[in-house]
Amino acid sequence: MPRTLPNYRSPGIRNADMAIFKNVALNEVRYFQLRLEAYNVTNTPTFATPHMTYGASNFGVIDAYAGGRGPREMQVAIKFYF
């Protein structure tokens, strides 16, 4: 990559989210929806760009976390439709 695009030198971002839904009918109109949602299922970290100061002892080293998606998160919910 050219030196004018430093953001393209960082590792890629991998993200996998999942959701499972189950509808439970009470009658023709009303029903519950049970949900299980998981974010960052593979628990993959997002690393920052490497240090780019030529001649420094940490040149080319990736030693920071870029933030973005955090650790694996799961949530359970119940929705009532009427």
C-alpha atoms as a PDB file:
ATOM      1  CA  MET A   1       0.000   0.000   0.000  1.00  0.00           C
ATOM      2  CA  PRO A   2       1.199   3.537  -0.531  1.00  0.00           C
ATOM      3  CA  ARG A   3       2.547   5.434   2.450  1.00  0.00           C
ATOM      4  CA  THR A   4      -0.264   8.012   2.124  1.00  0.00           C
ATOM      5  CA  LEU A   5      -2.890   5.468   3.206  1.00  0.00           C
ATOM      6  CA  PRO A   6      -1.674   4.399   6.674  1.00  0.00           C
ATOM      7  CA  ASN A   7      -5.050   3.046   7.775  1.00  0.00           C
ATOM      8  CA  TYR A   8      -4.783   0.228   5.240  1.00  0.00           C
ATOM      9  CA  ARG A   9      -1.684  -1.178   6.930  1.00  0.00           C
ATOM     10  CA  SER A  10      -3.596  -2.469   9.930  1.00  0.00           C
ATOM     11  CA  PRO A  11      -4.933  -6.011  10.288  1.00  0.00           C
ATOM     12  CA  GLY A  12      -8.416  -6.651   8.982  1.00  0.00           C
ATOM     13  CA  ILE A  13     -11.577  -6.604  11.054  1.00  0.00           C
ATOM     14  CA  ARG A  14     -13.427  -9.868  11.532  1.00  0.00           C
ATOM     15  CA  ASN A  15     -16.831  -9.840  13.123  1.00  0.00           C
ATOM     16  CA  ALA A  16     -19.551 -12.461  13.489  1.00  0.00           C
ATOM     17  CA  ASP A  17     -22.936 -11.782  15.073  1.00  0.00           C
ATOM     18  CA  MET A  18     -25.731 -14.304  15.597  1.00  0.00           C
ATOM     19  CA  ALA A  19     -29.383 -14.204  16.565  1.00  0.00           C
ATOM     20  CA  ILE A  20     -31.932 -16.931  17.242  1.00  0.00           C
ATOM     21  CA  PHE A  21     -35.653 -16.144  17.412  1.00  0.00           C
ATOM     22  CA  LYS A  22     -38.603 -18.316  18.436  1.00  0.00           C
ATOM     23  CA  ASN A  23     -42.226 -17.182  18.101  1.00  0.00           C
ATOM     24  CA  VAL A  24     -44.718 -18.662  20.568  1.00  0.00           C
ATOM     25  CA  ALA A  25     -48.321 -18.039  19.493  1.00  0.00           C
ATOM     26  CA  LEU A  26     -50.992 -17.353  22.117  1.00  0.00           C
ATOM     27  CA  ASN A  27     -53.805 -16.865  19.609  1.00  0.00           C
ATOM     28  CA  GLU A  28     -54.152 -15.636  16.017  1.00  0.00           C
ATOM     29  CA  VAL A  29     -52.937 -12.101  16.786  1.00  0.00           C
ATOM     30  CA  ARG A  30     -50.889 -12.168  20.006  1.00  0.00           C
ATOM     31  CA  TYR A  31     -47.575 -13.939  20.431  1.00  0.00           C
ATOM     32  CA  PHE A  32     -44.313 -13.865  22.342  1.00  0.00           C
ATOM     33  CA  GLN A  33     -40.939 -13.751  20.689  1.00  0.00           C
ATOM     34  CA  LEU A  34     -37.998 -15.299  22.531  1.00  0.00           C
ATOM     35  CA  ARG A  35     -34.630 -13.968  21.375  1.00  0.00           C
ATOM     36  CA  LEU A  36     -31.023 -14.927  21.951  1.00  0.00           C
ATOM     37  CA  GLU A  37     -28.528 -12.525  20.390  1.00  0.00           C
ATOM     38  CA  ALA A  38     -24.743 -12.829  20.450  1.00  0.00           C
ATOM     39  CA  TYR A  39     -22.247 -10.210  19.304  1.00  0.00           C
ATOM     40  CA  ASN A  40     -18.617 -10.929  18.413  1.00  0.00           C
ATOM     41  CA  VAL A  41     -19.293 -14.663  18.676  1.00  0.00           C
ATOM     42  CA  THR A  42     -15.721 -15.683  17.882  1.00  0.00           C
ATOM     43  CA  ASN A  43     -14.357 -13.206  20.478  1.00  0.00           C
ATOM     44  CA  THR A  44     -11.822 -11.885  17.944  1.00  0.00           C
ATOM     45  CA  PRO A  45      -9.914  -8.734  19.016  1.00  0.00           C
ATOM     46  CA  THR A  46      -9.439  -5.718  16.738  1.00  0.00           C
ATOM     47  CA  PHE A  47      -5.811  -4.640  16.772  1.00  0.00           C
ATOM     48  CA  ALA A  48      -4.515  -1.124  16.078  1.00  0.00           C
ATOM     49  CA  THR A  49      -2.118  -0.103  13.329  1.00  0.00           C
ATOM     50  CA  PRO A  50       1.585  -0.922  13.741  1.00  0.00           C
ATOM     51  CA  HIS A  51       4.001   1.728  14.977  1.00  0.00           C
ATOM     52  CA  MET A  52       5.384   3.599  11.964  1.00  0.00           C
ATOM     53  CA  THR A  53       8.318   5.587  13.354  1.00  0.00           C
ATOM     54  CA  TYR A  54      11.243   4.331  11.303  1.00  0.00           C
ATOM     55  CA  GLY A  55      14.275   3.555  13.447  1.00  0.00           C
ATOM     56  CA  ALA A  56      12.305   3.210  16.682  1.00  0.00           C
ATOM     57  CA  SER A  57      12.658   0.017  18.681  1.00  0.00           C
ATOM     58  CA  ASN A  58       8.959  -0.758  18.241  1.00  0.00           C
ATOM     59  CA  PHE A  59       8.813  -0.088  14.473  1.00  0.00           C
ATOM     60  CA  GLY A  60       6.257  -2.403  12.847  1.00  0.00           C
ATOM     61  CA  VAL A  61       5.034  -3.773  16.189  1.00  0.00           C
ATOM     62  CA  ILE A  62       1.320  -3.971  16.938  1.00  0.00           C
ATOM     63  CA  ASP A  63       0.905  -3.643  20.683  1.00  0.00           C
ATOM     64  CA  ALA A  64      -2.443  -1.889  21.080  1.00  0.00           C
ATOM     65  CA  TYR A  65      -6.121  -2.705  20.889  1.00  0.00           C
ATOM     66  CA  ALA A  66      -8.120  -0.511  18.478  1.00  0.00           C
ATOM     67  CA  GLY A  67     -11.376  -0.722  20.375  1.00  0.00           C
ATOM     68  CA  GLY A  68     -14.436  -1.081  18.192  1.00  0.00           C
ATOM     69  CA  ARG A  69     -16.101  -4.358  19.012  1.00  0.00           C
ATOM     70  CA  GLY A  70     -15.502  -5.389  22.578  1.00  0.00           C
ATOM     71  CA  PRO A  71     -15.527  -8.874  24.032  1.00  0.00           C
ATOM     72  CA  ARG A  72     -18.236 -11.417  23.312  1.00  0.00           C
ATOM     73  CA  GLU A  73     -21.668 -10.191  24.419  1.00  0.00           C
ATOM     74  CA  MET A  74     -24.913 -12.129  24.705  1.00  0.00           C
ATOM     75  CA  GLN A  75     -28.409 -10.993  25.521  1.00  0.00           C
ATOM     76  CA  VAL A  76     -31.733 -12.713  26.020  1.00  0.00           C
ATOM     77  CA  ALA A  77     -35.037 -10.935  25.462  1.00  0.00           C
ATOM     78  CA  ILE A  78     -38.760 -11.593  25.384  1.00  0.00           C
ATOM     79  CA  LYS A  79     -41.040  -9.440  23.226  1.00  0.00           C
ATOM     80  CA  PHE A  80     -44.820  -9.459  23.346  1.00  0.00           C
ATOM     81  CA  TYR A  81     -46.673  -8.605  20.133  1.00  0.00           C
ATOM     82  CA  PHE A  82     -50.324  -7.638  20.319  1.00  0.00           C
END
